[in-house]
Amino acid sequence: MVARSTLFHTAYLITIIIKGLFGLLEFCGGAMIAIFGPQQLHGLVLRVIDPQLYQRGSTLPNLRSTVPRRWPIRRVIS
């Protein structure tokens, strides 16, 4: 019984640490948005992830061209 209790306590402590790390990550992301602004942060993400997209400019026209004009309202399940 004691070993099982310690196992649950250790698992509980690990989940609390993981939750704290996610909270710290969320705080850092919010601070970056507050300091740099959403537009500069968007540019930074584009530069890091795909430099070619950053050099071409806005991604919105590229995304709009890939979406079909009419999405099907119902899907036929056969």
C-alpha atoms as a PDB file:
ATOM      1  CA  MET A   1       0.000   0.000   0.000  1.00  0.00           C
ATOM      2  CA  VAL A   2       2.853   2.376   0.806  1.00  0.00           C
ATOM      3  CA  ALA A   3       4.556   1.773  -2.559  1.00  0.00           C
ATOM      4  CA  ARG A   4       1.306   2.443  -4.406  1.00  0.00           C
ATOM      5  CA  SER A   5       0.756   5.673  -2.461  1.00  0.00           C
ATOM      6  CA  THR A   6       4.263   6.889  -3.289  1.00  0.00           C
ATOM      7  CA  LEU A   7       3.748   6.035  -6.954  1.00  0.00           C
ATOM      8  CA  PHE A   8       0.549   8.100  -7.076  1.00  0.00           C
ATOM      9  CA  HIS A   9       2.235  10.952  -5.227  1.00  0.00           C
ATOM     10  CA  THR A  10       5.178  10.931  -7.638  1.00  0.00           C
ATOM     11  CA  ALA A  11       2.822  10.889 -10.634  1.00  0.00           C
ATOM     12  CA  TYR A  12       0.890  13.784  -9.076  1.00  0.00           C
ATOM     13  CA  LEU A  13       4.076  15.818  -8.597  1.00  0.00           C
ATOM     14  CA  ILE A  14       5.158  15.157 -12.190  1.00  0.00           C
ATOM     15  CA  THR A  15       1.799  16.363 -13.543  1.00  0.00           C
ATOM     16  CA  ILE A  16       2.010  19.505 -11.382  1.00  0.00           C
ATOM     17  CA  ILE A  17       5.500  20.227 -12.751  1.00  0.00           C
ATOM     18  CA  ILE A  18       4.315  19.706 -16.350  1.00  0.00           C
ATOM     19  CA  LYS A  19       1.346  22.013 -15.739  1.00  0.00           C
ATOM     20  CA  GLY A  20       3.687  24.641 -14.316  1.00  0.00           C
ATOM     21  CA  LEU A  21       5.970  24.405 -17.350  1.00  0.00           C
ATOM     22  CA  PHE A  22       3.012  24.859 -19.702  1.00  0.00           C
ATOM     23  CA  GLY A  23       1.905  27.861 -17.656  1.00  0.00           C
ATOM     24  CA  LEU A  24       5.386  29.362 -17.924  1.00  0.00           C
ATOM     25  CA  LEU A  25       5.382  28.784 -21.674  1.00  0.00           C
ATOM     26  CA  GLU A  26       1.963  30.464 -21.972  1.00  0.00           C
ATOM     27  CA  PHE A  27       3.174  33.418 -19.906  1.00  0.00           C
ATOM     28  CA  CYS A  28       6.273  33.829 -22.106  1.00  0.00           C
ATOM     29  CA  GLY A  29       4.122  33.732 -25.251  1.00  0.00           C
ATOM     30  CA  GLY A  30       1.770  36.365 -23.854  1.00  0.00           C
ATOM     31  CA  ALA A  31       4.694  38.557 -22.821  1.00  0.00           C
ATOM     32  CA  MET A  32       6.192  38.289 -26.305  1.00  0.00           C
ATOM     33  CA  ILE A  33       2.877  39.348 -27.868  1.00  0.00           C
ATOM     34  CA  ALA A  34       2.611  42.251 -25.413  1.00  0.00           C
ATOM     35  CA  ILE A  35       6.172  43.429 -26.065  1.00  0.00           C
ATOM     36  CA  PHE A  36       6.534  42.914 -29.806  1.00  0.00           C
ATOM     37  CA  GLY A  37       2.938  43.021 -31.001  1.00  0.00           C
ATOM     38  CA  PRO A  38       1.131  40.433 -33.089  1.00  0.00           C
ATOM     39  CA  GLN A  39       2.382  41.646 -36.480  1.00  0.00           C
ATOM     40  CA  GLN A  40       6.076  41.502 -35.565  1.00  0.00           C
ATOM     41  CA  LEU A  41       5.586  38.136 -33.898  1.00  0.00           C
ATOM     42  CA  HIS A  42       3.840  36.836 -37.030  1.00  0.00           C
ATOM     43  CA  GLY A  43       6.786  38.036 -39.128  1.00  0.00           C
ATOM     44  CA  LEU A  44       9.235  36.363 -36.778  1.00  0.00           C
ATOM     45  CA  VAL A  45       7.358  33.067 -36.956  1.00  0.00           C
ATOM     46  CA  LEU A  46       7.281  33.248 -40.759  1.00  0.00           C
ATOM     47  CA  ARG A  47      11.001  33.991 -40.888  1.00  0.00           C
ATOM     48  CA  VAL A  48      11.799  31.025 -38.664  1.00  0.00           C
ATOM     49  CA  ILE A  49       9.367  28.489 -40.130  1.00  0.00           C
ATOM     50  CA  ASP A  50       9.415  29.345 -43.833  1.00  0.00           C
ATOM     51  CA  PRO A  51      11.686  32.168 -45.037  1.00  0.00           C
ATOM     52  CA  GLN A  52      10.282  31.952 -48.580  1.00  0.00           C
ATOM     53  CA  LEU A  53       6.791  32.829 -47.330  1.00  0.00           C
ATOM     54  CA  TYR A  54       8.238  35.785 -45.416  1.00  0.00           C
ATOM     55  CA  GLN A  55      10.012  37.091 -48.517  1.00  0.00           C
ATOM     56  CA  ARG A  56       6.845  36.801 -50.648  1.00  0.00           C
ATOM     57  CA  GLY A  57       4.780  38.845 -48.228  1.00  0.00           C
ATOM     58  CA  SER A  58       1.330  38.131 -46.889  1.00  0.00           C
ATOM     59  CA  THR A  59       0.122  34.550 -46.753  1.00  0.00           C
ATOM     60  CA  LEU A  60      -3.568  35.459 -46.815  1.00  0.00           C
ATOM     61  CA  PRO A  61      -3.921  35.625 -50.624  1.00  0.00           C
ATOM     62  CA  ASN A  62      -2.110  32.293 -50.886  1.00  0.00           C
ATOM     63  CA  LEU A  63      -4.488  30.695 -48.402  1.00  0.00           C
ATOM     64  CA  ARG A  64      -7.584  32.135 -50.057  1.00  0.00           C
ATOM     65  CA  SER A  65      -6.605  30.704 -53.422  1.00  0.00           C
ATOM     66  CA  THR A  66      -6.452  27.167 -52.034  1.00  0.00           C
ATOM     67  CA  VAL A  67      -9.923  27.173 -50.430  1.00  0.00           C
ATOM     68  CA  PRO A  68     -12.746  26.131 -52.760  1.00  0.00           C
ATOM     69  CA  ARG A  69     -15.494  28.699 -53.292  1.00  0.00           C
ATOM     70  CA  ARG A  70     -18.287  26.422 -52.103  1.00  0.00           C
ATOM     71  CA  TRP A  71     -17.756  23.927 -49.341  1.00  0.00           C
ATOM     72  CA  PRO A  72     -20.148  20.991 -49.418  1.00  0.00           C
ATOM     73  CA  ILE A  73     -22.925  21.500 -46.905  1.00  0.00           C
ATOM     74  CA  ARG A  74     -23.594  17.826 -46.411  1.00  0.00           C
ATOM     75  CA  ARG A  75     -21.314  14.905 -46.823  1.00  0.00           C
ATOM     76  CA  VAL A  76     -22.785  11.759 -48.232  1.00  0.00           C
ATOM     77  CA  ILE A  77     -21.843   8.802 -46.129  1.00  0.00           C
ATOM     78  CA  SER A  78     -21.989   5.588 -48.038  1.00  0.00           C
END
